[in-house]
């Protein structure tokens, strides 16, 4: 078993079973796994029932669940996929076109699953945290350490843009909630680190 230093919200390991097959094992703190089981069940359903094999689907345990408990962590097991993530500076038009096609196909799956999945409400959960951070750096007096002082300089330099962005997000949230839209499955965090490109140049979304 080998530790992989990847992911800011989990621990990842590669393990080999007796047959020589490799598996990716992920451990997440219980506090950071809200709705994880139902999200992974949706991915598993797309893979096993609808035949959308480009998603990296977790293995089920003996109880038919996609997650398990290990001490204070939620544990998931995935087949190990040989591939790489492509940093933005190395992404080509072919990469962008292939990824857009993959995500478009993914989004064509509506939310008509045989079980309930959480719906995106577009709540700005970090708005108060951002406001509190700005209040802290704008207050008089020194902060606790040099790193916080450097963060203060950064936030103060960009606070106008930060406040404008928060207000824009608030307006967009209000506008989106007024729309009459169809519900479809979405990745939730389709950043470049969550897209694997296999040696055959196949795109595979991970990190749901």
C-alpha atoms as a PDB file:
ATOM      1  CA  UNK A   1       0.000   0.000   0.000  1.00  0.00           C
ATOM      2  CA  UNK A   2       1.392   3.394  -0.990  1.00  0.00           C
ATOM      3  CA  UNK A   3       0.252   6.841   0.140  1.00  0.00           C
ATOM      4  CA  UNK A   4      -0.560   9.376  -2.566  1.00  0.00           C
ATOM      5  CA  UNK A   5      -0.306  13.043  -1.507  1.00  0.00           C
ATOM      6  CA  UNK A   6      -3.311  14.122  -3.595  1.00  0.00           C
ATOM      7  CA  UNK A   7      -6.504  15.909  -2.611  1.00  0.00           C
ATOM      8  CA  UNK A   8      -6.936  18.645  -0.054  1.00  0.00           C
ATOM      9  CA  UNK A   9      -9.907  17.033   1.692  1.00  0.00           C
ATOM     10  CA  UNK A  10      -8.921  13.373   1.875  1.00  0.00           C
ATOM     11  CA  UNK A  11      -6.114  10.832   2.189  1.00  0.00           C
ATOM     12  CA  UNK A  12      -5.442   8.572  -0.804  1.00  0.00           C
ATOM     13  CA  UNK A  13      -3.683   5.213  -0.963  1.00  0.00           C
ATOM     14  CA  UNK A  14      -2.980   2.744  -3.751  1.00  0.00           C
ATOM     15  CA  UNK A  15      -3.273  -0.902  -2.698  1.00  0.00           C
ATOM     16  CA  UNK A  16      -2.672  -4.149  -4.575  1.00  0.00           C
ATOM     17  CA  UNK A  17      -4.758  -7.257  -3.929  1.00  0.00           C
ATOM     18  CA  UNK A  18      -3.588 -10.863  -4.203  1.00  0.00           C
ATOM     19  CA  UNK A  19      -4.458 -11.051  -7.895  1.00  0.00           C
ATOM     20  CA  UNK A  20      -2.254  -8.052  -8.657  1.00  0.00           C
ATOM     21  CA  UNK A  21      -5.131  -5.643  -9.296  1.00  0.00           C
ATOM     22  CA  UNK A  22      -4.626  -2.127  -7.948  1.00  0.00           C
ATOM     23  CA  UNK A  23      -7.220  -0.078  -6.068  1.00  0.00           C
ATOM     24  CA  UNK A  24      -7.460   3.519  -4.942  1.00  0.00           C
ATOM     25  CA  UNK A  25      -8.537   3.840  -1.302  1.00  0.00           C
ATOM     26  CA  UNK A  26      -9.744   7.227  -0.071  1.00  0.00           C
ATOM     27  CA  UNK A  27     -10.327   8.295   3.509  1.00  0.00           C
ATOM     28  CA  UNK A  28     -12.306  11.430   4.318  1.00  0.00           C
ATOM     29  CA  UNK A  29     -13.073  12.980   7.671  1.00  0.00           C
ATOM     30  CA  UNK A  30     -16.671  12.224   8.613  1.00  0.00           C
ATOM     31  CA  UNK A  31     -17.438  15.923   8.955  1.00  0.00           C
ATOM     32  CA  UNK A  32     -16.607  16.427   5.241  1.00  0.00           C
ATOM     33  CA  UNK A  33     -18.719  13.636   3.786  1.00  0.00           C
ATOM     34  CA  UNK A  34     -22.244  15.069   3.824  1.00  0.00           C
ATOM     35  CA  UNK A  35     -24.382  13.225   1.252  1.00  0.00           C
ATOM     36  CA  UNK A  36     -21.306  11.330   0.022  1.00  0.00           C
ATOM     37  CA  UNK A  37     -23.010   7.935  -0.024  1.00  0.00           C
ATOM     38  CA  UNK A  38     -25.933   9.065  -2.176  1.00  0.00           C
ATOM     39  CA  UNK A  39     -23.635  10.994  -4.540  1.00  0.00           C
ATOM     40  CA  UNK A  40     -21.463   7.927  -5.051  1.00  0.00           C
ATOM     41  CA  UNK A  41     -24.529   5.727  -5.495  1.00  0.00           C
ATOM     42  CA  UNK A  42     -25.534   7.996  -8.377  1.00  0.00           C
ATOM     43  CA  UNK A  43     -22.086   7.594  -9.956  1.00  0.00           C
ATOM     44  CA  UNK A  44     -22.244   3.838  -9.450  1.00  0.00           C
ATOM     45  CA  UNK A  45     -25.715   3.743 -11.048  1.00  0.00           C
ATOM     46  CA  UNK A  46     -24.499   5.643 -14.123  1.00  0.00           C
ATOM     47  CA  UNK A  47     -21.615   3.230 -14.491  1.00  0.00           C
ATOM     48  CA  UNK A  48     -23.295  -0.095 -13.747  1.00  0.00           C
ATOM     49  CA  UNK A  49     -26.854   0.465 -15.027  1.00  0.00           C
ATOM     50  CA  UNK A  50     -26.702   3.194 -17.650  1.00  0.00           C
ATOM     51  CA  UNK A  51     -23.335   2.107 -19.039  1.00  0.00           C
ATOM     52  CA  UNK A  52     -21.569   5.449 -18.652  1.00  0.00           C
ATOM     53  CA  UNK A  53     -18.182   3.829 -18.127  1.00  0.00           C
ATOM     54  CA  UNK A  54     -16.060   6.983 -18.269  1.00  0.00           C
ATOM     55  CA  UNK A  55     -16.912   7.858 -14.678  1.00  0.00           C
ATOM     56  CA  UNK A  56     -14.687   6.243 -12.081  1.00  0.00           C
ATOM     57  CA  UNK A  57     -17.252   4.397  -9.985  1.00  0.00           C
ATOM     58  CA  UNK A  58     -16.595   3.151  -6.446  1.00  0.00           C
ATOM     59  CA  UNK A  59     -16.802  -0.489  -5.424  1.00  0.00           C
ATOM     60  CA  UNK A  60     -19.768  -1.593  -3.351  1.00  0.00           C
ATOM     61  CA  UNK A  61     -19.250  -3.348  -0.032  1.00  0.00           C
ATOM     62  CA  UNK A  62     -21.103  -6.464   1.125  1.00  0.00           C
ATOM     63  CA  UNK A  63     -24.080  -4.329   2.196  1.00  0.00           C
ATOM     64  CA  UNK A  64     -24.339  -2.769  -1.267  1.00  0.00           C
ATOM     65  CA  UNK A  65     -23.026   0.599  -0.059  1.00  0.00           C
ATOM     66  CA  UNK A  66     -20.337   2.716  -1.703  1.00  0.00           C
ATOM     67  CA  UNK A  67     -18.819   3.949   1.553  1.00  0.00           C
ATOM     68  CA  UNK A  68     -17.710   2.377   4.795  1.00  0.00           C
ATOM     69  CA  UNK A  69     -16.546   3.575   8.200  1.00  0.00           C
ATOM     70  CA  UNK A  70     -12.984   3.326   9.477  1.00  0.00           C
ATOM     71  CA  UNK A  71     -12.437   4.986  12.852  1.00  0.00           C
ATOM     72  CA  UNK A  72     -13.291   8.664  12.285  1.00  0.00           C
ATOM     73  CA  UNK A  73     -13.126   8.425   8.494  1.00  0.00           C
ATOM     74  CA  UNK A  74     -15.391   7.509   5.615  1.00  0.00           C
ATOM     75  CA  UNK A  75     -13.673   4.974   3.372  1.00  0.00           C
ATOM     76  CA  UNK A  76     -14.255   4.427  -0.346  1.00  0.00           C
ATOM     77  CA  UNK A  77     -12.530   2.049  -2.772  1.00  0.00           C
ATOM     78  CA  UNK A  78     -12.136   2.728  -6.505  1.00  0.00           C
ATOM     79  CA  UNK A  79     -10.429   0.835  -9.305  1.00  0.00           C
ATOM     80  CA  UNK A  80      -7.015   2.394  -9.893  1.00  0.00           C
ATOM     81  CA  UNK A  81      -6.887   4.198 -13.234  1.00  0.00           C
ATOM     82  CA  UNK A  82      -3.625   4.885 -15.012  1.00  0.00           C
ATOM     83  CA  UNK A  83      -3.756   8.471 -16.159  1.00  0.00           C
ATOM     84  CA  UNK A  84      -2.743  12.039 -15.535  1.00  0.00           C
ATOM     85  CA  UNK A  85      -4.305  15.366 -14.784  1.00  0.00           C
ATOM     86  CA  UNK A  86      -3.547  18.139 -17.267  1.00  0.00           C
ATOM     87  CA  UNK A  87      -2.628  21.485 -15.738  1.00  0.00           C
ATOM     88  CA  UNK A  88      -4.251  24.575 -17.317  1.00  0.00           C
ATOM     89  CA  UNK A  89      -0.972  25.651 -18.927  1.00  0.00           C
ATOM     90  CA  UNK A  90      -0.750  22.348 -20.836  1.00  0.00           C
ATOM     91  CA  UNK A  91      -4.373  22.099 -21.899  1.00  0.00           C
ATOM     92  CA  UNK A  92      -4.976  22.219 -25.650  1.00  0.00           C
ATOM     93  CA  UNK A  93      -8.047  22.900 -27.779  1.00  0.00           C
ATOM     94  CA  UNK A  94      -8.396  19.146 -28.262  1.00  0.00           C
ATOM     95  CA  UNK A  95      -8.390  18.699 -24.485  1.00  0.00           C
ATOM     96  CA  UNK A  96     -11.046  21.397 -24.019  1.00  0.00           C
ATOM     97  CA  UNK A  97     -13.197  19.910 -26.793  1.00  0.00           C
ATOM     98  CA  UNK A  98     -12.928  16.374 -25.416  1.00  0.00           C
ATOM     99  CA  UNK A  99     -13.695  17.473 -21.880  1.00  0.00           C
ATOM    100  CA  UNK A 100     -16.666  19.586 -22.989  1.00  0.00           C
ATOM    101  CA  UNK A 101     -18.065  16.591 -24.889  1.00  0.00           C
ATOM    102  CA  UNK A 102     -17.652  14.348 -21.854  1.00  0.00           C
ATOM    103  CA  UNK A 103     -19.318  16.772 -19.435  1.00  0.00           C
ATOM    104  CA  UNK A 104     -22.082  17.439 -21.935  1.00  0.00           C
ATOM    105  CA  UNK A 105     -22.801  13.719 -22.117  1.00  0.00           C
ATOM    106  CA  UNK A 106     -22.706  13.512 -18.339  1.00  0.00           C
ATOM    107  CA  UNK A 107     -25.214  16.344 -18.012  1.00  0.00           C
ATOM    108  CA  UNK A 108     -27.605  14.652 -20.440  1.00  0.00           C
ATOM    109  CA  UNK A 109     -28.414  12.181 -17.683  1.00  0.00           C
ATOM    110  CA  UNK A 110     -31.424  13.606 -15.924  1.00  0.00           C
ATOM    111  CA  UNK A 111     -32.065  13.231 -12.224  1.00  0.00           C
ATOM    112  CA  UNK A 112     -34.516  10.339 -12.801  1.00  0.00           C
ATOM    113  CA  UNK A 113     -32.656   7.929 -10.542  1.00  0.00           C
ATOM    114  CA  UNK A 114     -34.351   5.206  -8.464  1.00  0.00           C
ATOM    115  CA  UNK A 115     -33.354   7.123  -5.331  1.00  0.00           C
ATOM    116  CA  UNK A 116     -33.270  10.733  -4.176  1.00  0.00           C
ATOM    117  CA  UNK A 117     -30.164  12.837  -4.710  1.00  0.00           C
ATOM    118  CA  UNK A 118     -29.467  16.243  -3.162  1.00  0.00           C
ATOM    119  CA  UNK A 119     -30.350  19.259  -5.288  1.00  0.00           C
ATOM    120  CA  UNK A 120     -28.136  22.272  -5.749  1.00  0.00           C
ATOM    121  CA  UNK A 121     -29.687  25.292  -4.037  1.00  0.00           C
ATOM    122  CA  UNK A 122     -26.861  27.667  -4.985  1.00  0.00           C
ATOM    123  CA  UNK A 123     -26.570  28.879  -1.414  1.00  0.00           C
ATOM    124  CA  UNK A 124     -23.460  30.992  -0.884  1.00  0.00           C
ATOM    125  CA  UNK A 125     -22.224  29.061   2.124  1.00  0.00           C
ATOM    126  CA  UNK A 126     -18.904  30.912   2.287  1.00  0.00           C
ATOM    127  CA  UNK A 127     -20.300  34.439   2.169  1.00  0.00           C
ATOM    128  CA  UNK A 128     -20.264  34.963   5.934  1.00  0.00           C
ATOM    129  CA  UNK A 129     -16.786  33.427   6.204  1.00  0.00           C
ATOM    130  CA  UNK A 130     -15.505  35.875   3.579  1.00  0.00           C
ATOM    131  CA  UNK A 131     -17.192  38.793   5.336  1.00  0.00           C
ATOM    132  CA  UNK A 132     -15.677  37.738   8.663  1.00  0.00           C
ATOM    133  CA  UNK A 133     -12.208  37.473   7.115  1.00  0.00           C
ATOM    134  CA  UNK A 134     -12.501  40.975   5.681  1.00  0.00           C
ATOM    135  CA  UNK A 135     -13.669  42.370   9.022  1.00  0.00           C
ATOM    136  CA  UNK A 136     -10.686  40.729  10.711  1.00  0.00           C
ATOM    137  CA  UNK A 137      -8.061  42.143   8.360  1.00  0.00           C
ATOM    138  CA  UNK A 138      -9.660  45.590   8.353  1.00  0.00           C
ATOM    139  CA  UNK A 139      -9.576  45.791  12.153  1.00  0.00           C
ATOM    140  CA  UNK A 140      -6.751  47.714  13.772  1.00  0.00           C
ATOM    141  CA  UNK A 141      -3.917  45.913  15.526  1.00  0.00           C
ATOM    142  CA  UNK A 142      -1.422  43.183  14.661  1.00  0.00           C
ATOM    143  CA  UNK A 143      -2.430  39.658  13.751  1.00  0.00           C
ATOM    144  CA  UNK A 144      -1.084  36.488  15.333  1.00  0.00           C
ATOM    145  CA  UNK A 145       1.783  35.640  12.986  1.00  0.00           C
ATOM    146  CA  UNK A 146       3.599  36.738   9.795  1.00  0.00           C
ATOM    147  CA  UNK A 147       1.524  34.438   7.606  1.00  0.00           C
ATOM    148  CA  UNK A 148      -1.684  36.107   8.765  1.00  0.00           C
ATOM    149  CA  UNK A 149      -0.120  39.507   8.127  1.00  0.00           C
ATOM    150  CA  UNK A 150       0.722  38.466   4.571  1.00  0.00           C
ATOM    151  CA  UNK A 151      -2.853  37.254   4.150  1.00  0.00           C
ATOM    152  CA  UNK A 152      -4.075  40.610   5.453  1.00  0.00           C
ATOM    153  CA  UNK A 153      -2.082  42.434   2.767  1.00  0.00           C
ATOM    154  CA  UNK A 154      -3.488  40.185   0.061  1.00  0.00           C
ATOM    155  CA  UNK A 155      -7.109  40.528   1.170  1.00  0.00           C
ATOM    156  CA  UNK A 156      -6.844  44.286   1.641  1.00  0.00           C
ATOM    157  CA  UNK A 157      -5.362  44.672  -1.832  1.00  0.00           C
ATOM    158  CA  UNK A 158      -8.266  42.787  -3.394  1.00  0.00           C
ATOM    159  CA  UNK A 159     -11.153  43.549  -1.034  1.00  0.00           C
ATOM    160  CA  UNK A 160     -13.031  45.699  -3.538  1.00  0.00           C
ATOM    161  CA  UNK A 161     -12.954  42.900  -6.115  1.00  0.00           C
ATOM    162  CA  UNK A 162     -13.904  40.339  -3.453  1.00  0.00           C
ATOM    163  CA  UNK A 163     -16.965  42.339  -2.388  1.00  0.00           C
ATOM    164  CA  UNK A 164     -17.976  42.879  -6.022  1.00  0.00           C
ATOM    165  CA  UNK A 165     -17.686  39.147  -6.709  1.00  0.00           C
ATOM    166  CA  UNK A 166     -19.761  38.250  -3.639  1.00  0.00           C
ATOM    167  CA  UNK A 167     -22.472  40.671  -4.723  1.00  0.00           C
ATOM    168  CA  UNK A 168     -22.392  39.296  -8.278  1.00  0.00           C
ATOM    169  CA  UNK A 169     -22.787  35.757  -6.935  1.00  0.00           C
ATOM    170  CA  UNK A 170     -25.719  36.887  -4.805  1.00  0.00           C
ATOM    171  CA  UNK A 171     -27.434  38.405  -7.858  1.00  0.00           C
ATOM    172  CA  UNK A 172     -26.747  35.310  -9.976  1.00  0.00           C
ATOM    173  CA  UNK A 173     -28.153  33.062  -7.257  1.00  0.00           C
ATOM    174  CA  UNK A 174     -31.374  35.070  -7.211  1.00  0.00           C
ATOM    175  CA  UNK A 175     -31.598  34.967 -11.017  1.00  0.00           C
ATOM    176  CA  UNK A 176     -30.965  31.213 -11.244  1.00  0.00           C
ATOM    177  CA  UNK A 177     -33.637  30.424  -8.659  1.00  0.00           C
ATOM    178  CA  UNK A 178     -36.213  32.196 -10.826  1.00  0.00           C
ATOM    179  CA  UNK A 179     -35.510  29.985 -13.839  1.00  0.00           C
ATOM    180  CA  UNK A 180     -37.719  27.098 -14.852  1.00  0.00           C
ATOM    181  CA  UNK A 181     -35.015  24.535 -15.546  1.00  0.00           C
ATOM    182  CA  UNK A 182     -34.670  20.794 -15.964  1.00  0.00           C
ATOM    183  CA  UNK A 183     -32.803  18.918 -13.241  1.00  0.00           C
ATOM    184  CA  UNK A 184     -29.746  17.003 -14.452  1.00  0.00           C
ATOM    185  CA  UNK A 185     -26.785  15.382 -12.797  1.00  0.00           C
ATOM    186  CA  UNK A 186     -23.711  17.586 -12.465  1.00  0.00           C
ATOM    187  CA  UNK A 187     -20.185  16.844 -11.325  1.00  0.00           C
ATOM    188  CA  UNK A 188     -20.184  19.574  -8.690  1.00  0.00           C
ATOM    189  CA  UNK A 189     -16.433  20.278  -8.845  1.00  0.00           C
ATOM    190  CA  UNK A 190     -15.197  19.794 -12.438  1.00  0.00           C
ATOM    191  CA  UNK A 191     -11.780  21.387 -11.961  1.00  0.00           C
ATOM    192  CA  UNK A 192      -8.728  20.111 -13.845  1.00  0.00           C
ATOM    193  CA  UNK A 193      -7.505  18.033 -10.896  1.00  0.00           C
ATOM    194  CA  UNK A 194     -10.729  16.000 -11.002  1.00  0.00           C
ATOM    195  CA  UNK A 195     -10.335  14.963 -14.640  1.00  0.00           C
ATOM    196  CA  UNK A 196      -8.057  12.038 -15.507  1.00  0.00           C
ATOM    197  CA  UNK A 197      -6.759  11.496 -19.021  1.00  0.00           C
ATOM    198  CA  UNK A 198      -5.801   7.865 -19.572  1.00  0.00           C
ATOM    199  CA  UNK A 199      -2.974   6.776 -21.916  1.00  0.00           C
ATOM    200  CA  UNK A 200      -5.602   6.163 -24.625  1.00  0.00           C
ATOM    201  CA  UNK A 201      -6.603   9.849 -24.255  1.00  0.00           C
ATOM    202  CA  UNK A 202      -9.908   8.955 -22.636  1.00  0.00           C
ATOM    203  CA  UNK A 203     -11.314  11.485 -20.193  1.00  0.00           C
ATOM    204  CA  UNK A 204     -12.548  10.173 -16.852  1.00  0.00           C
ATOM    205  CA  UNK A 205     -14.123  12.435 -14.197  1.00  0.00           C
ATOM    206  CA  UNK A 206     -13.281  11.659 -10.585  1.00  0.00           C
ATOM    207  CA  UNK A 207     -13.683  13.329  -7.204  1.00  0.00           C
ATOM    208  CA  UNK A 208     -17.497  13.589  -7.060  1.00  0.00           C
END
